């Protein structure tokens, strides 16, 4: 079997298992398994083997499910990011710098988060909470303020 075929089959299988294990039926089967295990406790005199059966089964299932859940979350996350990228790219006032923002370092994300925090505070002060601003607009305004400040400092320095 070629590699692409195997990957496609695995993708399909993983998708089916993800849907199946997230169903009410799967929960009911798991619940009934525990009930049957509890009922059989007195029959097997609560032996080490009786305990080992449930411990081994749940450990194996948990181990496999961790990877399956992570795979599913990665796929969902990528799909959401692509949808958000499409929205950003299609809006002419949105900052294209935010495309693929998930690839930035944590330090860069924190810096952007703080920057947007400043935008929120500006919107609150302006009492224009429905008005939206891009990073570029905020940067332009910041540069204008810095130039105004430099002009005031120059006038003070020269006694005007």
Protein backbone atom coordinates (compact mmCIF):
# COMPACT_ATOMS: atom_id res chain seq x y z
CA UNK A 1 0.00 0.00 0.00
CA UNK A 2 1.44 3.38 -0.95
CA UNK A 3 2.03 6.03 1.71
CA UNK A 4 -0.65 8.46 0.49
CA UNK A 5 -3.21 5.64 0.50
CA UNK A 6 -2.27 4.66 4.05
CA UNK A 7 -2.45 8.26 5.25
CA UNK A 8 -5.85 8.74 3.60
CA UNK A 9 -7.17 5.53 5.16
CA UNK A 10 -5.79 6.54 8.57
CA UNK A 11 -7.33 10.03 8.25
CA UNK A 12 -10.69 8.49 7.43
CA UNK A 13 -10.42 5.98 10.29
CA UNK A 14 -9.34 8.67 12.78
CA UNK A 15 -12.28 10.83 11.73
CA UNK A 16 -14.74 7.97 12.22
CA UNK A 17 -13.28 7.08 15.63
CA UNK A 18 -13.35 10.74 16.72
CA UNK A 19 -17.03 11.04 15.79
CA UNK A 20 -17.90 7.69 17.36
CA UNK A 21 -16.10 8.30 20.66
CA UNK A 22 -17.70 11.70 21.01
CA UNK A 23 -21.20 10.27 20.78
CA UNK A 24 -23.82 9.51 23.41
CA UNK A 25 -23.61 5.86 22.41
CA UNK A 26 -19.90 5.76 23.24
CA UNK A 27 -20.57 7.31 26.63
CA UNK A 28 -23.34 4.81 27.31
CA UNK A 29 -21.06 1.88 26.37
CA UNK A 30 -18.31 3.22 28.66
CA UNK A 31 -20.81 3.72 31.49
CA UNK A 32 -22.26 0.22 31.07
CA UNK A 33 -18.74 -1.24 31.00
CA UNK A 34 -18.05 0.33 34.40
CA UNK A 35 -21.39 -0.90 35.77
CA UNK A 36 -20.68 -4.47 34.56
CA UNK A 37 -17.18 -4.27 36.04
CA UNK A 38 -18.59 -3.11 39.39
CA UNK A 39 -21.23 -5.85 39.41
CA UNK A 40 -18.59 -8.51 38.74
CA UNK A 41 -16.48 -7.31 41.68
CA UNK A 42 -18.08 -9.63 44.25
CA UNK A 43 -18.01 -12.54 41.78
CA UNK A 44 -14.23 -12.21 41.42
CA UNK A 45 -13.78 -11.29 45.09
CA UNK A 46 -12.42 -7.86 44.14
CA UNK A 47 -9.19 -9.56 43.13
CA UNK A 48 -6.07 -7.91 41.79
CA UNK A 49 -6.87 -9.33 38.34
CA UNK A 50 -10.37 -7.83 38.49
CA UNK A 51 -8.86 -4.39 39.28
CA UNK A 52 -6.09 -4.84 36.71
CA UNK A 53 -8.62 -5.44 33.92
CA UNK A 54 -10.29 -2.03 34.34
CA UNK A 55 -6.99 -0.23 35.00
CA UNK A 56 -5.35 -1.68 31.89
CA UNK A 57 -8.36 -1.07 29.68
CA UNK A 58 -8.84 2.54 30.76
CA UNK A 59 -5.09 3.26 30.52
CA UNK A 60 -4.88 1.95 26.94
CA UNK A 61 -8.01 3.82 25.85
CA UNK A 62 -6.85 7.04 27.53
CA UNK A 63 -3.40 6.77 25.91
CA UNK A 64 -4.88 6.38 22.43
CA UNK A 65 -7.56 9.04 22.95
CA UNK A 66 -5.00 11.68 23.95
CA UNK A 67 -3.42 11.48 20.49
CA UNK A 68 -6.75 11.28 18.71
CA UNK A 69 -8.09 14.32 20.56
CA UNK A 70 -4.91 16.28 19.86
CA UNK A 71 -5.10 15.42 16.16
CA UNK A 72 -8.72 16.52 16.04
CA UNK A 73 -7.95 19.77 17.87
CA UNK A 74 -5.04 20.51 15.54
CA UNK A 75 -7.27 20.02 12.50
CA UNK A 76 -10.08 22.15 13.97
CA UNK A 77 -7.63 24.86 14.99
CA UNK A 78 -6.14 25.02 11.51
CA UNK A 79 -9.61 25.22 9.94
CA UNK A 80 -10.60 28.07 12.28
CA UNK A 81 -7.34 29.91 11.55
CA UNK A 82 -7.92 29.60 7.81
CA UNK A 83 -11.45 30.95 8.17
CA UNK A 84 -10.18 33.87 10.23
CA UNK A 85 -7.41 34.52 7.70
CA UNK A 86 -10.02 34.65 4.95
CA UNK A 87 -12.06 37.19 6.92
CA UNK A 88 -9.01 39.34 7.61
CA UNK A 89 -7.79 39.16 4.01
CA UNK A 90 -11.22 40.06 2.63
CA UNK A 91 -11.66 43.18 4.79
CA UNK A 92 -9.76 46.16 3.40
CA UNK A 93 -9.37 47.90 6.77
CA UNK A 94 -8.16 44.79 8.63
CA UNK A 95 -4.48 44.41 9.36
CA UNK A 96 -2.90 41.79 7.12
CA UNK A 97 -0.15 41.51 9.73
CA UNK A 98 -2.57 39.38 11.70
CA UNK A 99 -2.67 36.68 9.02
CA UNK A 100 -1.03 33.53 10.40
CA UNK A 101 -0.63 35.23 13.76
CA UNK A 102 -0.55 31.77 15.35
CA UNK A 103 3.02 31.44 14.01
CA UNK A 104 4.29 34.35 16.14
CA UNK A 105 6.29 33.75 19.29
CA UNK A 106 4.59 34.08 22.66
CA UNK A 107 6.52 37.31 23.29
CA UNK A 108 5.25 38.79 20.00
CA UNK A 109 1.67 37.73 20.84
CA UNK A 110 1.92 39.39 24.26
CA UNK A 111 3.18 42.59 22.61
CA UNK A 112 0.23 42.60 20.18
CA UNK A 113 -2.19 41.83 23.02
CA UNK A 114 -0.92 44.86 24.93
CA UNK A 115 -1.21 46.99 21.81
CA UNK A 116 -4.83 45.99 21.34
CA UNK A 117 -5.39 46.71 25.03
CA UNK A 118 -4.30 50.29 24.28
CA UNK A 119 -6.82 50.43 21.41
CA UNK A 120 -9.57 49.32 23.80
CA UNK A 121 -8.64 52.05 26.26
CA UNK A 122 -8.64 54.65 23.46
CA UNK A 123 -12.08 53.51 22.33
CA UNK A 124 -13.36 53.79 25.91
CA UNK A 125 -11.94 57.31 26.27
CA UNK A 126 -13.37 58.35 22.90
CA UNK A 127 -16.69 56.78 23.91
CA UNK A 128 -16.80 55.22 20.45
CA UNK A 129 -16.98 51.58 21.43
CA UNK A 130 -18.59 50.65 18.13
CA UNK A 131 -15.77 52.18 16.07
CA UNK A 132 -13.05 49.80 14.99
CA UNK A 133 -9.39 50.62 14.44
CA UNK A 134 -6.64 48.63 12.82
CA UNK A 135 -3.08 48.31 14.07
CA UNK A 136 -1.98 50.50 11.15
CA UNK A 137 -4.46 53.26 12.08
CA UNK A 138 -3.30 53.18 15.67
CA UNK A 139 0.33 53.34 14.55
CA UNK A 140 -0.46 56.32 12.30
CA UNK A 141 -2.16 58.12 15.17
CA UNK A 142 0.75 57.33 17.46
CA UNK A 143 3.23 58.76 14.94
CA UNK A 144 1.09 61.90 14.59
CA UNK A 145 1.03 62.33 18.37
CA UNK A 146 4.80 61.83 18.55
CA UNK A 147 5.29 64.51 15.87
CA UNK A 148 2.93 66.86 17.70
CA UNK A 149 4.82 66.23 20.94
CA UNK A 150 8.16 66.85 19.21
CA UNK A 151 6.77 70.12 17.77
CA UNK A 152 5.62 71.27 21.23
CA UNK A 153 8.99 70.38 22.72
CA UNK A 154 10.75 72.32 19.96
CA UNK A 155 8.59 75.40 20.56
CA UNK A 156 9.27 75.23 24.31
CA UNK A 157 12.99 74.82 23.66
CA UNK A 158 13.10 77.87 21.39
CA UNK A 159 10.88 79.96 23.67
CA UNK A 160 7.77 80.12 21.50
